[in-house]
Amino acid sequence: MGIIIRMKEGYKFIRTLEGIEKPIEWSDLNQLKKDILWVFDMNVGELNASFIPDGEFQEKYWEYLTLDGDKWFYDEDRDFYKEGVIIILLCMTVEYIDTTGGNQGVFGSTKVSEVIKYVDCYSPSTEKQTRLKEILQQGLKIAESMTPADLVNTDGYDHPEMGNFYPKLSWVSDAFIKEYYRQKIK
């Protein structure tokens, strides 16, 4: 059983795998939104060649998949953050498995297996979110299967699932990133 601390109205938190709630400030959410929108802008239509700048995205984004809050944290906002985090993680995963031009240090000191645990704990609330989660899980399984020799192979890494994984990224771009912008200009 985790430690539960209830704060003022508007309380938001992430929950560690051990069940401990860590309060999240509005400034944290504002930075997360900036990161999500930056990733959307830089990678829309090109998730198969994702770009996450080295040294810039240092947060443990996977922890935000447990983001929750009180009645003032609306479902629409919660969905935006969680869907955005999954897309950031997808981009990070693409960077990781791209041994010719990507960044195998994109997860920092966190092992891919820990990221997978957070993703596995994420409970989608829609069919689209379920499909998004499954695509991320597929990419992370590819990443997890990579050996140290694979990670330094600049001739490229090939996995039997890559041909199935990459085409799904265009659906992600259309269903989430482009849809976000379509809704904003309505």
C-alpha atoms as a PDB file:
ATOM      1  CA  MET A   1       0.000   0.000   0.000  1.00  0.00           C
ATOM      2  CA  GLY A   2       1.376   3.380  -0.989  1.00  0.00           C
ATOM      3  CA  ILE A   3       1.559   6.589   0.947  1.00  0.00           C
ATOM      4  CA  ILE A   4      -1.357   8.906   0.164  1.00  0.00           C
ATOM      5  CA  ILE A   5      -1.133  12.603   0.892  1.00  0.00           C
ATOM      6  CA  ARG A   6      -4.101  14.769  -0.091  1.00  0.00           C
ATOM      7  CA  MET A   7      -3.365  18.394  -0.736  1.00  0.00           C
ATOM      8  CA  LYS A   8      -5.376  21.436  -1.774  1.00  0.00           C
ATOM      9  CA  GLU A   9      -7.952  21.355  -4.576  1.00  0.00           C
ATOM     10  CA  GLY A  10      -6.292  20.922  -7.904  1.00  0.00           C
ATOM     11  CA  TYR A  11      -3.955  18.270  -6.460  1.00  0.00           C
ATOM     12  CA  LYS A  12      -2.131  16.259  -9.110  1.00  0.00           C
ATOM     13  CA  PHE A  13       0.375  13.478  -8.656  1.00  0.00           C
ATOM     14  CA  ILE A  14       2.270  10.660 -10.273  1.00  0.00           C
ATOM     15  CA  ARG A  15       2.496   7.278  -8.618  1.00  0.00           C
ATOM     16  CA  THR A  16       5.750   5.309  -8.561  1.00  0.00           C
ATOM     17  CA  LEU A  17       5.770   1.584  -9.243  1.00  0.00           C
ATOM     18  CA  GLU A  18       6.025   1.160  -5.473  1.00  0.00           C
ATOM     19  CA  GLY A  19       2.696   2.998  -5.066  1.00  0.00           C
ATOM     20  CA  ILE A  20       4.091   6.241  -3.635  1.00  0.00           C
ATOM     21  CA  GLU A  21       2.323   9.433  -4.754  1.00  0.00           C
ATOM     22  CA  LYS A  22       4.619  12.286  -5.784  1.00  0.00           C
ATOM     23  CA  PRO A  23       2.864  15.679  -6.024  1.00  0.00           C
ATOM     24  CA  ILE A  24       3.091  17.486  -9.356  1.00  0.00           C
ATOM     25  CA  GLU A  25       3.048  21.268  -9.523  1.00  0.00           C
ATOM     26  CA  TRP A  26       1.392  23.278 -12.277  1.00  0.00           C
ATOM     27  CA  SER A  27       4.851  24.359 -13.423  1.00  0.00           C
ATOM     28  CA  ASP A  28       5.711  20.667 -13.976  1.00  0.00           C
ATOM     29  CA  LEU A  29       2.574  20.192 -16.079  1.00  0.00           C
ATOM     30  CA  ASN A  30       3.264  23.368 -18.032  1.00  0.00           C
ATOM     31  CA  GLN A  31       6.773  22.130 -18.869  1.00  0.00           C
ATOM     32  CA  LEU A  32       5.374  18.725 -19.797  1.00  0.00           C
ATOM     33  CA  LYS A  33       2.883  20.395 -22.145  1.00  0.00           C
ATOM     34  CA  LYS A  34       5.705  22.381 -23.758  1.00  0.00           C
ATOM     35  CA  ASP A  35       7.700  19.179 -24.238  1.00  0.00           C
ATOM     36  CA  ILE A  36       4.706  17.361 -25.744  1.00  0.00           C
ATOM     37  CA  LEU A  37       3.916  20.191 -28.144  1.00  0.00           C
ATOM     38  CA  TRP A  38       7.576  20.528 -29.145  1.00  0.00           C
ATOM     39  CA  VAL A  39       7.683  16.812 -29.973  1.00  0.00           C
ATOM     40  CA  PHE A  40       4.393  17.121 -31.882  1.00  0.00           C
ATOM     41  CA  ASP A  41       5.711  20.043 -33.908  1.00  0.00           C
ATOM     42  CA  MET A  42       9.111  18.545 -34.703  1.00  0.00           C
ATOM     43  CA  ASN A  43       7.896  15.033 -35.507  1.00  0.00           C
ATOM     44  CA  VAL A  44       4.441  15.366 -37.064  1.00  0.00           C
ATOM     45  CA  GLY A  45       4.289  13.079 -40.078  1.00  0.00           C
ATOM     46  CA  GLU A  46       7.836  11.861 -39.427  1.00  0.00           C
ATOM     47  CA  LEU A  47       7.623   9.680 -36.342  1.00  0.00           C
ATOM     48  CA  ASN A  48       9.583   6.978 -38.163  1.00  0.00           C
ATOM     49  CA  ALA A  49      12.562   9.388 -38.100  1.00  0.00           C
ATOM     50  CA  SER A  50      11.851  10.924 -34.707  1.00  0.00           C
ATOM     51  CA  PHE A  51      14.046  13.638 -33.294  1.00  0.00           C
ATOM     52  CA  ILE A  52      14.594  14.057 -29.568  1.00  0.00           C
ATOM     53  CA  PRO A  53      17.462  16.495 -28.967  1.00  0.00           C
ATOM     54  CA  ASP A  54      20.320  15.038 -26.989  1.00  0.00           C
ATOM     55  CA  GLY A  55      20.379  16.343 -23.440  1.00  0.00           C
ATOM     56  CA  GLU A  56      17.084  18.243 -23.675  1.00  0.00           C
ATOM     57  CA  PHE A  57      14.468  15.669 -22.685  1.00  0.00           C
ATOM     58  CA  GLN A  58      15.751  14.500 -19.322  1.00  0.00           C
ATOM     59  CA  GLU A  59      12.458  13.922 -17.488  1.00  0.00           C
ATOM     60  CA  LYS A  60      11.328  10.429 -16.624  1.00  0.00           C
ATOM     61  CA  TYR A  61       8.322  10.808 -18.907  1.00  0.00           C
ATOM     62  CA  TRP A  62       7.197   7.212 -18.314  1.00  0.00           C
ATOM     63  CA  GLU A  63       6.302   8.153 -14.733  1.00  0.00           C
ATOM     64  CA  TYR A  64       3.690  10.577 -16.094  1.00  0.00           C
ATOM     65  CA  LEU A  65       1.690   7.597 -17.372  1.00  0.00           C
ATOM     66  CA  THR A  66       0.487   7.333 -13.754  1.00  0.00           C
ATOM     67  CA  LEU A  67      -0.572  10.990 -13.668  1.00  0.00           C
ATOM     68  CA  ASP A  68      -3.778  11.494 -11.717  1.00  0.00           C
ATOM     69  CA  GLY A  69      -5.486  14.078  -9.591  1.00  0.00           C
ATOM     70  CA  ASP A  70      -8.607  15.267  -7.862  1.00  0.00           C
ATOM     71  CA  LYS A  71     -11.948  16.231  -9.403  1.00  0.00           C
ATOM     72  CA  TRP A  72     -10.428  19.404 -10.847  1.00  0.00           C
ATOM     73  CA  PHE A  73      -8.133  17.405 -13.125  1.00  0.00           C
ATOM     74  CA  TYR A  74     -10.415  16.888 -16.074  1.00  0.00           C
ATOM     75  CA  ASP A  75     -10.353  13.744 -18.223  1.00  0.00           C
ATOM     76  CA  GLU A  76      -9.600  15.749 -21.374  1.00  0.00           C
ATOM     77  CA  ASP A  77      -6.468  17.226 -19.783  1.00  0.00           C
ATOM     78  CA  ARG A  78      -5.386  13.909 -18.307  1.00  0.00           C
ATOM     79  CA  ASP A  79      -5.805  12.236 -21.718  1.00  0.00           C
ATOM     80  CA  PHE A  80      -3.757  14.963 -23.451  1.00  0.00           C
ATOM     81  CA  TYR A  81      -0.857  14.504 -21.048  1.00  0.00           C
ATOM     82  CA  LYS A  82      -0.884  10.718 -21.113  1.00  0.00           C
ATOM     83  CA  GLU A  83      -1.280  10.461 -24.895  1.00  0.00           C
ATOM     84  CA  GLY A  84       1.447  13.066 -25.325  1.00  0.00           C
ATOM     85  CA  VAL A  85       3.760  11.166 -23.001  1.00  0.00           C
ATOM     86  CA  ILE A  86       3.217   7.970 -24.979  1.00  0.00           C
ATOM     87  CA  ILE A  87       4.112   9.837 -28.158  1.00  0.00           C
ATOM     88  CA  ILE A  88       7.253  11.245 -26.518  1.00  0.00           C
ATOM     89  CA  LEU A  89       8.134   7.688 -25.454  1.00  0.00           C
ATOM     90  CA  LEU A  90       7.493   6.442 -28.996  1.00  0.00           C
ATOM     91  CA  CYS A  91       9.878   9.083 -30.337  1.00  0.00           C
ATOM     92  CA  MET A  92      12.457   8.153 -27.714  1.00  0.00           C
ATOM     93  CA  THR A  93      12.067   4.489 -28.665  1.00  0.00           C
ATOM     94  CA  VAL A  94      12.566   5.254 -32.363  1.00  0.00           C
ATOM     95  CA  GLU A  95      15.704   7.225 -31.449  1.00  0.00           C
ATOM     96  CA  TYR A  96      16.954   4.292 -29.380  1.00  0.00           C
ATOM     97  CA  ILE A  97      16.479   1.593 -32.022  1.00  0.00           C
ATOM     98  CA  ASP A  98      17.921   3.759 -34.815  1.00  0.00           C
ATOM     99  CA  THR A  99      21.566   2.780 -34.467  1.00  0.00           C
ATOM    100  CA  THR A 100      22.647   4.608 -37.615  1.00  0.00           C
ATOM    101  CA  GLY A 101      21.520   8.098 -36.615  1.00  0.00           C
ATOM    102  CA  GLY A 102      19.590   7.873 -33.378  1.00  0.00           C
ATOM    103  CA  ASN A 103      20.508   8.293 -29.748  1.00  0.00           C
ATOM    104  CA  GLN A 104      20.897   5.156 -27.661  1.00  0.00           C
ATOM    105  CA  GLY A 105      21.276   7.280 -24.515  1.00  0.00           C
ATOM    106  CA  VAL A 106      17.816   8.805 -24.863  1.00  0.00           C
ATOM    107  CA  PHE A 107      16.463   7.017 -21.763  1.00  0.00           C
ATOM    108  CA  GLY A 108      19.395   8.183 -19.657  1.00  0.00           C
ATOM    109  CA  SER A 109      20.368   5.716 -16.969  1.00  0.00           C
ATOM    110  CA  THR A 110      16.898   4.148 -16.929  1.00  0.00           C
ATOM    111  CA  LYS A 111      16.729   0.649 -18.335  1.00  0.00           C
ATOM    112  CA  VAL A 112      14.177  -0.031 -21.072  1.00  0.00           C
ATOM    113  CA  SER A 113      12.674  -2.730 -18.818  1.00  0.00           C
ATOM    114  CA  GLU A 114      11.679  -0.061 -16.245  1.00  0.00           C
ATOM    115  CA  VAL A 115       9.997   2.032 -18.925  1.00  0.00           C
ATOM    116  CA  ILE A 116       8.115  -1.097 -20.018  1.00  0.00           C
ATOM    117  CA  LYS A 117       6.825  -1.622 -16.468  1.00  0.00           C
ATOM    118  CA  TYR A 118       5.276   1.863 -16.430  1.00  0.00           C
ATOM    119  CA  VAL A 119       3.779   1.392 -19.892  1.00  0.00           C
ATOM    120  CA  ASP A 120       2.340  -1.988 -18.883  1.00  0.00           C
ATOM    121  CA  CYS A 121       0.670  -0.343 -15.841  1.00  0.00           C
ATOM    122  CA  TYR A 122      -0.944   2.364 -17.994  1.00  0.00           C
ATOM    123  CA  SER A 123      -4.715   1.819 -18.331  1.00  0.00           C
ATOM    124  CA  PRO A 124      -6.067   3.285 -21.571  1.00  0.00           C
ATOM    125  CA  SER A 125      -9.571   4.738 -21.477  1.00  0.00           C
ATOM    126  CA  THR A 126     -10.318   4.522 -25.226  1.00  0.00           C
ATOM    127  CA  GLU A 127      -9.688   2.118 -28.101  1.00  0.00           C
ATOM    128  CA  LYS A 128      -7.333   4.676 -29.690  1.00  0.00           C
ATOM    129  CA  GLN A 129      -5.295   4.832 -26.493  1.00  0.00           C
ATOM    130  CA  THR A 130      -5.196   1.027 -26.351  1.00  0.00           C
ATOM    131  CA  ARG A 131      -3.804   0.873 -29.892  1.00  0.00           C
ATOM    132  CA  LEU A 132      -1.303   3.637 -29.063  1.00  0.00           C
ATOM    133  CA  LYS A 133      -0.129   1.698 -25.999  1.00  0.00           C
ATOM    134  CA  GLU A 134       0.242  -1.502 -28.043  1.00  0.00           C
ATOM    135  CA  ILE A 135       2.378   0.275 -30.654  1.00  0.00           C
ATOM    136  CA  LEU A 136       4.635   1.671 -27.927  1.00  0.00           C
ATOM    137  CA  GLN A 137       4.888  -1.761 -26.295  1.00  0.00           C
ATOM    138  CA  GLN A 138       5.923  -3.259 -29.620  1.00  0.00           C
ATOM    139  CA  GLY A 139       8.652  -0.639 -30.072  1.00  0.00           C
ATOM    140  CA  LEU A 140       9.890  -1.066 -26.521  1.00  0.00           C
ATOM    141  CA  LYS A 141      10.086  -4.840 -26.941  1.00  0.00           C
ATOM    142  CA  ILE A 142      12.295  -4.259 -29.986  1.00  0.00           C
ATOM    143  CA  ALA A 143      14.432  -1.873 -27.916  1.00  0.00           C
ATOM    144  CA  GLU A 144      14.631  -4.279 -24.997  1.00  0.00           C
ATOM    145  CA  SER A 145      15.819  -7.094 -27.284  1.00  0.00           C
ATOM    146  CA  MET A 146      18.867  -5.101 -28.392  1.00  0.00           C
ATOM    147  CA  THR A 147      22.209  -6.335 -27.127  1.00  0.00           C
ATOM    148  CA  PRO A 148      25.139  -4.041 -26.274  1.00  0.00           C
ATOM    149  CA  ALA A 149      26.678  -5.035 -29.637  1.00  0.00           C
ATOM    150  CA  ASP A 150      23.437  -4.066 -31.425  1.00  0.00           C
ATOM    151  CA  LEU A 151      23.470  -0.642 -29.766  1.00  0.00           C
ATOM    152  CA  VAL A 152      26.861   0.240 -31.235  1.00  0.00           C
ATOM    153  CA  ASN A 153      26.259  -1.256 -34.684  1.00  0.00           C
ATOM    154  CA  THR A 154      26.287   1.817 -36.921  1.00  0.00           C
ATOM    155  CA  ASP A 155      25.376  -0.306 -39.948  1.00  0.00           C
ATOM    156  CA  GLY A 156      21.838  -0.422 -38.580  1.00  0.00           C
ATOM    157  CA  TYR A 157      19.855  -2.752 -36.403  1.00  0.00           C
ATOM    158  CA  ASP A 158      17.291  -5.094 -37.872  1.00  0.00           C
ATOM    159  CA  HIS A 159      14.593  -6.874 -35.918  1.00  0.00           C
ATOM    160  CA  PRO A 160      11.824  -9.050 -37.381  1.00  0.00           C
ATOM    161  CA  GLU A 161       9.135  -6.698 -35.970  1.00  0.00           C
ATOM    162  CA  MET A 162      10.600  -3.452 -37.333  1.00  0.00           C
ATOM    163  CA  GLY A 163       8.807  -3.827 -40.658  1.00  0.00           C
ATOM    164  CA  ASN A 164       5.544  -4.133 -38.747  1.00  0.00           C
ATOM    165  CA  PHE A 165       6.317  -1.391 -36.201  1.00  0.00           C
ATOM    166  CA  TYR A 166       7.366   1.556 -38.373  1.00  0.00           C
ATOM    167  CA  PRO A 167       4.251   1.721 -40.608  1.00  0.00           C
ATOM    168  CA  LYS A 168       2.037   2.074 -37.518  1.00  0.00           C
ATOM    169  CA  LEU A 169       3.717   5.368 -36.655  1.00  0.00           C
ATOM    170  CA  SER A 170       1.890   7.206 -39.455  1.00  0.00           C
ATOM    171  CA  TRP A 171      -1.412   6.233 -37.817  1.00  0.00           C
ATOM    172  CA  VAL A 172      -0.136   7.719 -34.533  1.00  0.00           C
ATOM    173  CA  SER A 173       0.748  10.959 -36.283  1.00  0.00           C
ATOM    174  CA  ASP A 174      -2.667  11.162 -37.978  1.00  0.00           C
ATOM    175  CA  ALA A 175      -4.798  10.001 -35.042  1.00  0.00           C
ATOM    176  CA  PHE A 176      -3.139  12.071 -32.329  1.00  0.00           C
ATOM    177  CA  ILE A 177      -0.765  14.798 -33.494  1.00  0.00           C
ATOM    178  CA  LYS A 178      -2.613  16.003 -36.573  1.00  0.00           C
ATOM    179  CA  GLU A 179      -5.937  15.542 -34.776  1.00  0.00           C
ATOM    180  CA  TYR A 180      -4.705  17.728 -31.914  1.00  0.00           C
ATOM    181  CA  TYR A 181      -3.960  20.547 -34.365  1.00  0.00           C
ATOM    182  CA  ARG A 182      -7.238  20.032 -36.256  1.00  0.00           C
ATOM    183  CA  GLN A 183      -9.146  20.442 -32.993  1.00  0.00           C
ATOM    184  CA  LYS A 184      -7.183  23.581 -32.098  1.00  0.00           C
ATOM    185  CA  ILE A 185      -8.044  25.379 -35.353  1.00  0.00           C
ATOM    186  CA  LYS A 186     -11.766  24.580 -35.242  1.00  0.00           C
END
